[in-house]
Amino acid sequence: MRKTDDSPAVTPRSLRPVVATLAAAGVPVAGGVLHPILGEIVFLVELVAVLTVVGTALFGSLDLSERAFRLLRWIGNRPEPPAPGQVKRGASGDAGQVTS
């Protein structure tokens, strides 16, 4: 198979979600191969952790919800949105408009 210039490149960053999914699914499976109860325990611990973060993001206090959403953005390797009132800089580095 020959790569052309217009085809998207496979980079380590584009593979992160795939690797994270395989790791999250692979650990309970590997534990289940060793012992079925161990695999179930690891799966339940992962499930509780994910549900705790999502539940906190949706139903927690304002501070906890903000922290949970920041954690989710950090896990997804996404930048934080600009803070209200922060000055946007243009491509040339000069100050732009104030966002609200």
C-alpha atoms as a PDB file:
ATOM      1  CA  MET A   1       0.000   0.000   0.000  1.00  0.00           C
ATOM      2  CA  ARG A   2       1.462   3.334  -1.051  1.00  0.00           C
ATOM      3  CA  LYS A   3       0.917   6.526   0.910  1.00  0.00           C
ATOM      4  CA  THR A   4      -0.060   9.602  -1.052  1.00  0.00           C
ATOM      5  CA  ASP A   5       0.403  13.191   0.071  1.00  0.00           C
ATOM      6  CA  ASP A   6      -3.331  13.873   0.407  1.00  0.00           C
ATOM      7  CA  SER A   7      -4.053  10.959   2.747  1.00  0.00           C
ATOM      8  CA  PRO A   8      -4.219  11.733   6.478  1.00  0.00           C
ATOM      9  CA  ALA A   9      -1.132  10.843   8.463  1.00  0.00           C
ATOM     10  CA  VAL A  10      -1.354   8.454  11.371  1.00  0.00           C
ATOM     11  CA  THR A  11       0.313  10.236  14.261  1.00  0.00           C
ATOM     12  CA  PRO A  12       0.751   9.177  17.872  1.00  0.00           C
ATOM     13  CA  ARG A  13      -1.756  11.862  18.860  1.00  0.00           C
ATOM     14  CA  SER A  14      -4.425  10.453  16.542  1.00  0.00           C
ATOM     15  CA  LEU A  15      -3.916   7.000  18.032  1.00  0.00           C
ATOM     16  CA  ARG A  16      -4.413   8.071  21.663  1.00  0.00           C
ATOM     17  CA  PRO A  17      -8.166   7.339  21.807  1.00  0.00           C
ATOM     18  CA  VAL A  18      -7.602   3.914  20.261  1.00  0.00           C
ATOM     19  CA  VAL A  19      -4.813   3.070  22.698  1.00  0.00           C
ATOM     20  CA  ALA A  20      -6.841   4.323  25.669  1.00  0.00           C
ATOM     21  CA  THR A  21      -9.845   2.234  24.619  1.00  0.00           C
ATOM     22  CA  LEU A  22      -7.740  -0.869  24.140  1.00  0.00           C
ATOM     23  CA  ALA A  23      -6.021  -0.349  27.492  1.00  0.00           C
ATOM     24  CA  ALA A  24      -9.310   0.246  29.302  1.00  0.00           C
ATOM     25  CA  ALA A  25     -10.803  -2.907  27.782  1.00  0.00           C
ATOM     26  CA  GLY A  26      -7.610  -4.946  27.911  1.00  0.00           C
ATOM     27  CA  VAL A  27      -6.898  -4.669  31.625  1.00  0.00           C
ATOM     28  CA  PRO A  28     -10.149  -6.354  32.754  1.00  0.00           C
ATOM     29  CA  VAL A  29      -9.784  -8.958  30.000  1.00  0.00           C
ATOM     30  CA  ALA A  30      -6.211  -9.731  31.067  1.00  0.00           C
ATOM     31  CA  GLY A  31      -7.376  -9.929  34.678  1.00  0.00           C
ATOM     32  CA  GLY A  32     -10.210 -12.199  33.618  1.00  0.00           C
ATOM     33  CA  VAL A  33      -7.751 -14.513  31.904  1.00  0.00           C
ATOM     34  CA  LEU A  34      -5.818 -14.856  35.154  1.00  0.00           C
ATOM     35  CA  HIS A  35      -8.913 -15.212  37.296  1.00  0.00           C
ATOM     36  CA  PRO A  36     -12.551 -14.379  36.377  1.00  0.00           C
ATOM     37  CA  ILE A  37     -13.302 -12.651  39.691  1.00  0.00           C
ATOM     38  CA  LEU A  38     -10.201 -10.471  39.331  1.00  0.00           C
ATOM     39  CA  GLY A  39     -11.352  -9.332  35.882  1.00  0.00           C
ATOM     40  CA  GLU A  40     -14.800  -8.437  37.218  1.00  0.00           C
ATOM     41  CA  ILE A  41     -13.304  -6.484  40.118  1.00  0.00           C
ATOM     42  CA  VAL A  42     -11.015  -4.465  37.840  1.00  0.00           C
ATOM     43  CA  PHE A  43     -13.907  -3.775  35.444  1.00  0.00           C
ATOM     44  CA  LEU A  44     -16.149  -2.586  38.288  1.00  0.00           C
ATOM     45  CA  VAL A  45     -13.425  -0.306  39.684  1.00  0.00           C
ATOM     46  CA  GLU A  46     -12.958   1.300  36.248  1.00  0.00           C
ATOM     47  CA  LEU A  47     -16.719   1.665  35.819  1.00  0.00           C
ATOM     48  CA  VAL A  48     -17.124   3.305  39.226  1.00  0.00           C
ATOM     49  CA  ALA A  49     -14.279   5.745  38.475  1.00  0.00           C
ATOM     50  CA  VAL A  50     -15.794   6.777  35.128  1.00  0.00           C
ATOM     51  CA  LEU A  51     -19.302   7.108  36.572  1.00  0.00           C
ATOM     52  CA  THR A  52     -17.962   9.164  39.480  1.00  0.00           C
ATOM     53  CA  VAL A  53     -16.246  11.666  37.177  1.00  0.00           C
ATOM     54  CA  VAL A  54     -19.243  11.943  34.837  1.00  0.00           C
ATOM     55  CA  GLY A  55     -21.709  12.179  37.734  1.00  0.00           C
ATOM     56  CA  THR A  56     -19.611  14.884  39.384  1.00  0.00           C
ATOM     57  CA  ALA A  57     -19.386  16.810  36.116  1.00  0.00           C
ATOM     58  CA  LEU A  58     -23.155  16.707  35.632  1.00  0.00           C
ATOM     59  CA  PHE A  59     -24.582  16.861  39.147  1.00  0.00           C
ATOM     60  CA  GLY A  60     -21.808  18.203  41.417  1.00  0.00           C
ATOM     61  CA  SER A  61     -21.398  21.655  42.851  1.00  0.00           C
ATOM     62  CA  LEU A  62     -20.128  24.372  40.552  1.00  0.00           C
ATOM     63  CA  ASP A  63     -16.495  24.010  41.693  1.00  0.00           C
ATOM     64  CA  LEU A  64     -16.497  20.215  41.519  1.00  0.00           C
ATOM     65  CA  SER A  65     -18.275  20.232  38.179  1.00  0.00           C
ATOM     66  CA  GLU A  66     -15.703  22.612  36.739  1.00  0.00           C
ATOM     67  CA  ARG A  67     -12.871  20.396  37.984  1.00  0.00           C
ATOM     68  CA  ALA A  68     -14.471  17.270  36.543  1.00  0.00           C
ATOM     69  CA  PHE A  69     -14.925  18.915  33.139  1.00  0.00           C
ATOM     70  CA  ARG A  70     -11.298  20.101  33.258  1.00  0.00           C
ATOM     71  CA  LEU A  71     -10.242  16.527  34.041  1.00  0.00           C
ATOM     72  CA  LEU A  72     -12.263  15.241  31.075  1.00  0.00           C
ATOM     73  CA  ARG A  73     -10.648  17.833  28.792  1.00  0.00           C
ATOM     74  CA  TRP A  74      -7.228  16.861  30.154  1.00  0.00           C
ATOM     75  CA  ILE A  75      -7.917  13.169  29.488  1.00  0.00           C
ATOM     76  CA  GLY A  76      -9.041  14.008  25.942  1.00  0.00           C
ATOM     77  CA  ASN A  77      -5.920  16.180  25.446  1.00  0.00           C
ATOM     78  CA  ARG A  78      -7.991  19.223  24.522  1.00  0.00           C
ATOM     79  CA  PRO A  79      -7.051  22.816  25.367  1.00  0.00           C
ATOM     80  CA  GLU A  80      -8.961  24.744  27.961  1.00  0.00           C
ATOM     81  CA  PRO A  81     -11.378  27.355  26.636  1.00  0.00           C
ATOM     82  CA  PRO A  82     -10.375  30.980  27.196  1.00  0.00           C
ATOM     83  CA  ALA A  83     -11.529  32.529  30.449  1.00  0.00           C
ATOM     84  CA  PRO A  84     -14.245  35.213  30.283  1.00  0.00           C
ATOM     85  CA  GLY A  85     -12.701  38.636  29.802  1.00  0.00           C
ATOM     86  CA  GLN A  86      -9.418  37.211  28.534  1.00  0.00           C
ATOM     87  CA  VAL A  87      -7.804  39.160  25.683  1.00  0.00           C
ATOM     88  CA  LYS A  88      -7.479  37.202  22.443  1.00  0.00           C
ATOM     89  CA  ARG A  89      -4.188  37.615  20.639  1.00  0.00           C
ATOM     90  CA  GLY A  90      -4.020  37.750  16.871  1.00  0.00           C
ATOM     91  CA  ALA A  91      -1.636  35.736  14.724  1.00  0.00           C
ATOM     92  CA  SER A  92       0.850  38.630  14.746  1.00  0.00           C
ATOM     93  CA  GLY A  93       0.801  38.814  18.567  1.00  0.00           C
ATOM     94  CA  ASP A  94      -1.083  42.104  18.816  1.00  0.00           C
ATOM     95  CA  ALA A  95      -3.997  42.392  21.232  1.00  0.00           C
ATOM     96  CA  GLY A  96      -7.388  41.753  19.734  1.00  0.00           C
ATOM     97  CA  GLN A  97     -10.882  42.121  21.073  1.00  0.00           C
ATOM     98  CA  VAL A  98     -11.847  41.372  24.628  1.00  0.00           C
ATOM     99  CA  THR A  99     -14.100  38.315  24.792  1.00  0.00           C
ATOM    100  CA  SER A 100     -17.047  38.246  27.118  1.00  0.00           C
END
